Amino acid sequence: DVILCSGCSCALDLSITVLAKEGQNILIPRPGFSIYRTLAEGLGVSVRSYNLL
């Protein structure tokens, strides 16, 4: 399947919305793209991070 989005933020929002439910956790890299945390917390998904360096 191919899904067209109007940009990276839209694609990330769609991915988090589809794959994570409110109250669940996602793991993001640090340093990383800050929109991961913003989108996830807006949907009620908890964010945990791990160090890349």
N, C-alpha and C. Protein backbone atom coordinates (compact mmCIF):
# COMPACT_ATOMS: atom_id res chain seq x y z
N ASP A 1 0.82 -1.17 0.00
CA ASP A 1 0.00 0.00 0.00
C ASP A 1 0.87 1.25 0.00
N VAL A 2 0.39 2.26 -0.67
CA VAL A 2 1.06 3.55 -0.71
C VAL A 2 0.08 4.61 -0.23
N ILE A 3 0.53 5.43 0.72
CA ILE A 3 -0.31 6.52 1.22
C ILE A 3 0.42 7.82 0.96
N LEU A 4 -0.24 8.72 0.27
CA LEU A 4 0.35 10.03 -0.01
C LEU A 4 0.00 11.01 1.09
N CYS A 5 0.98 11.75 1.54
CA CYS A 5 0.78 12.77 2.57
C CYS A 5 1.33 14.09 2.08
N SER A 6 0.90 15.14 2.71
CA SER A 6 1.32 16.48 2.29
C SER A 6 2.61 16.93 2.97
N GLY A 7 3.36 16.01 3.52
CA GLY A 7 4.63 16.35 4.15
C GLY A 7 4.97 15.37 5.26
N CYS A 8 6.14 15.54 5.81
CA CYS A 8 6.63 14.65 6.86
C CYS A 8 5.77 14.71 8.12
N SER A 9 5.37 15.89 8.52
CA SER A 9 4.56 16.04 9.73
C SER A 9 3.23 15.31 9.59
N CYS A 10 2.62 15.41 8.44
CA CYS A 10 1.35 14.72 8.18
C CYS A 10 1.55 13.20 8.24
N ALA A 11 2.64 12.72 7.64
CA ALA A 11 2.92 11.29 7.64
C ALA A 11 3.19 10.77 9.05
N LEU A 12 3.93 11.53 9.84
CA LEU A 12 4.20 11.12 11.22
C LEU A 12 2.93 11.13 12.06
N ASP A 13 2.10 12.14 11.89
CA ASP A 13 0.83 12.22 12.61
C ASP A 13 -0.04 11.02 12.27
N LEU A 14 -0.14 10.69 11.01
CA LEU A 14 -0.94 9.55 10.57
C LEU A 14 -0.38 8.25 11.16
N SER A 15 0.93 8.09 11.13
CA SER A 15 1.56 6.88 11.65
C SER A 15 1.31 6.70 13.15
N ILE A 16 1.51 7.76 13.91
CA ILE A 16 1.30 7.67 15.36
C ILE A 16 -0.18 7.43 15.67
N THR A 17 -1.07 8.09 14.96
CA THR A 17 -2.50 7.92 15.18
C THR A 17 -2.94 6.49 14.92
N VAL A 18 -2.42 5.87 13.88
CA VAL A 18 -2.82 4.52 13.50
C VAL A 18 -2.17 3.46 14.39
N LEU A 19 -0.92 3.67 14.77
CA LEU A 19 -0.17 2.62 15.46
C LEU A 19 -0.20 2.68 16.98
N ALA A 20 -0.50 3.82 17.57
CA ALA A 20 -0.46 3.95 19.03
C ALA A 20 -1.81 4.45 19.56
N LYS A 21 -2.22 3.87 20.66
CA LYS A 21 -3.46 4.29 21.31
C LYS A 21 -3.13 5.13 22.54
N GLU A 22 -4.11 5.90 22.98
CA GLU A 22 -3.93 6.74 24.16
C GLU A 22 -3.50 5.88 25.35
N GLY A 23 -2.49 6.35 26.07
CA GLY A 23 -1.98 5.62 27.23
C GLY A 23 -0.82 4.69 26.91
N GLN A 24 -0.57 4.43 25.64
CA GLN A 24 0.57 3.59 25.27
C GLN A 24 1.84 4.43 25.22
N ASN A 25 2.98 3.76 25.03
CA ASN A 25 4.28 4.43 24.94
C ASN A 25 4.85 4.28 23.54
N ILE A 26 5.61 5.29 23.11
CA ILE A 26 6.45 5.14 21.93
C ILE A 26 7.87 5.49 22.33
N LEU A 27 8.82 4.95 21.61
CA LEU A 27 10.23 5.17 21.88
C LEU A 27 10.81 6.01 20.75
N ILE A 28 11.44 7.14 21.11
CA ILE A 28 12.02 8.03 20.10
C ILE A 28 13.49 8.27 20.40
N PRO A 29 14.29 8.55 19.36
CA PRO A 29 15.71 8.82 19.59
C PRO A 29 15.95 10.23 20.12
N ARG A 30 17.05 10.39 20.87
CA ARG A 30 17.47 11.70 21.36
C ARG A 30 18.94 11.87 21.04
N PRO A 31 19.41 12.81 20.31
CA PRO A 31 18.61 13.87 19.68
C PRO A 31 17.80 13.31 18.52
N GLY A 32 16.70 13.98 18.25
CA GLY A 32 15.82 13.55 17.18
C GLY A 32 14.91 14.67 16.73
N PHE A 33 13.99 14.32 15.88
CA PHE A 33 13.04 15.27 15.32
C PHE A 33 12.00 15.61 16.39
N SER A 34 11.89 16.86 16.79
CA SER A 34 11.06 17.25 17.94
C SER A 34 9.57 17.04 17.72
N ILE A 35 9.14 16.92 16.48
CA ILE A 35 7.70 16.78 16.24
C ILE A 35 7.15 15.43 16.72
N TYR A 36 8.03 14.41 16.86
CA TYR A 36 7.57 13.13 17.39
C TYR A 36 6.88 13.33 18.74
N ARG A 37 7.56 14.01 19.64
CA ARG A 37 7.03 14.22 21.00
C ARG A 37 5.76 15.07 20.96
N THR A 38 5.77 16.13 20.18
CA THR A 38 4.62 17.04 20.10
C THR A 38 3.37 16.30 19.62
N LEU A 39 3.51 15.53 18.56
CA LEU A 39 2.37 14.80 18.00
C LEU A 39 1.88 13.73 18.96
N ALA A 40 2.80 12.96 19.52
CA ALA A 40 2.42 11.87 20.41
C ALA A 40 1.71 12.38 21.66
N GLU A 41 2.27 13.39 22.30
CA GLU A 41 1.65 13.92 23.51
C GLU A 41 0.30 14.55 23.23
N GLY A 42 0.13 15.12 22.05
CA GLY A 42 -1.17 15.67 21.66
C GLY A 42 -2.24 14.60 21.51
N LEU A 43 -1.82 13.36 21.25
CA LEU A 43 -2.75 12.24 21.11
C LEU A 43 -2.87 11.43 22.40
N GLY A 44 -2.20 11.87 23.46
CA GLY A 44 -2.28 11.15 24.73
C GLY A 44 -1.36 9.95 24.81
N VAL A 45 -0.35 9.89 23.95
CA VAL A 45 0.60 8.79 23.93
C VAL A 45 1.85 9.23 24.70
N SER A 46 2.31 8.40 25.62
CA SER A 46 3.51 8.71 26.39
C SER A 46 4.75 8.51 25.53
N VAL A 47 5.76 9.33 25.78
CA VAL A 47 6.99 9.27 24.98
C VAL A 47 8.17 8.94 25.88
N ARG A 48 8.95 7.96 25.46
CA ARG A 48 10.21 7.64 26.12
C ARG A 48 11.30 7.80 25.07
N SER A 49 12.48 8.17 25.52
CA SER A 49 13.55 8.40 24.55
C SER A 49 14.80 7.62 24.92
N TYR A 50 15.64 7.42 23.92
CA TYR A 50 16.93 6.76 24.11
C TYR A 50 18.00 7.61 23.45
N ASN A 51 19.22 7.53 23.95
CA ASN A 51 20.32 8.34 23.45
C ASN A 51 20.96 7.69 22.22
N LEU A 52 21.14 8.48 21.18
CA LEU A 52 21.84 8.02 19.99
C LEU A 52 23.34 8.14 20.15
N LEU A 53 23.76 9.11 20.93
CA LEU A 53 25.19 9.36 21.09
C LEU A 53 25.67 8.93 22.44
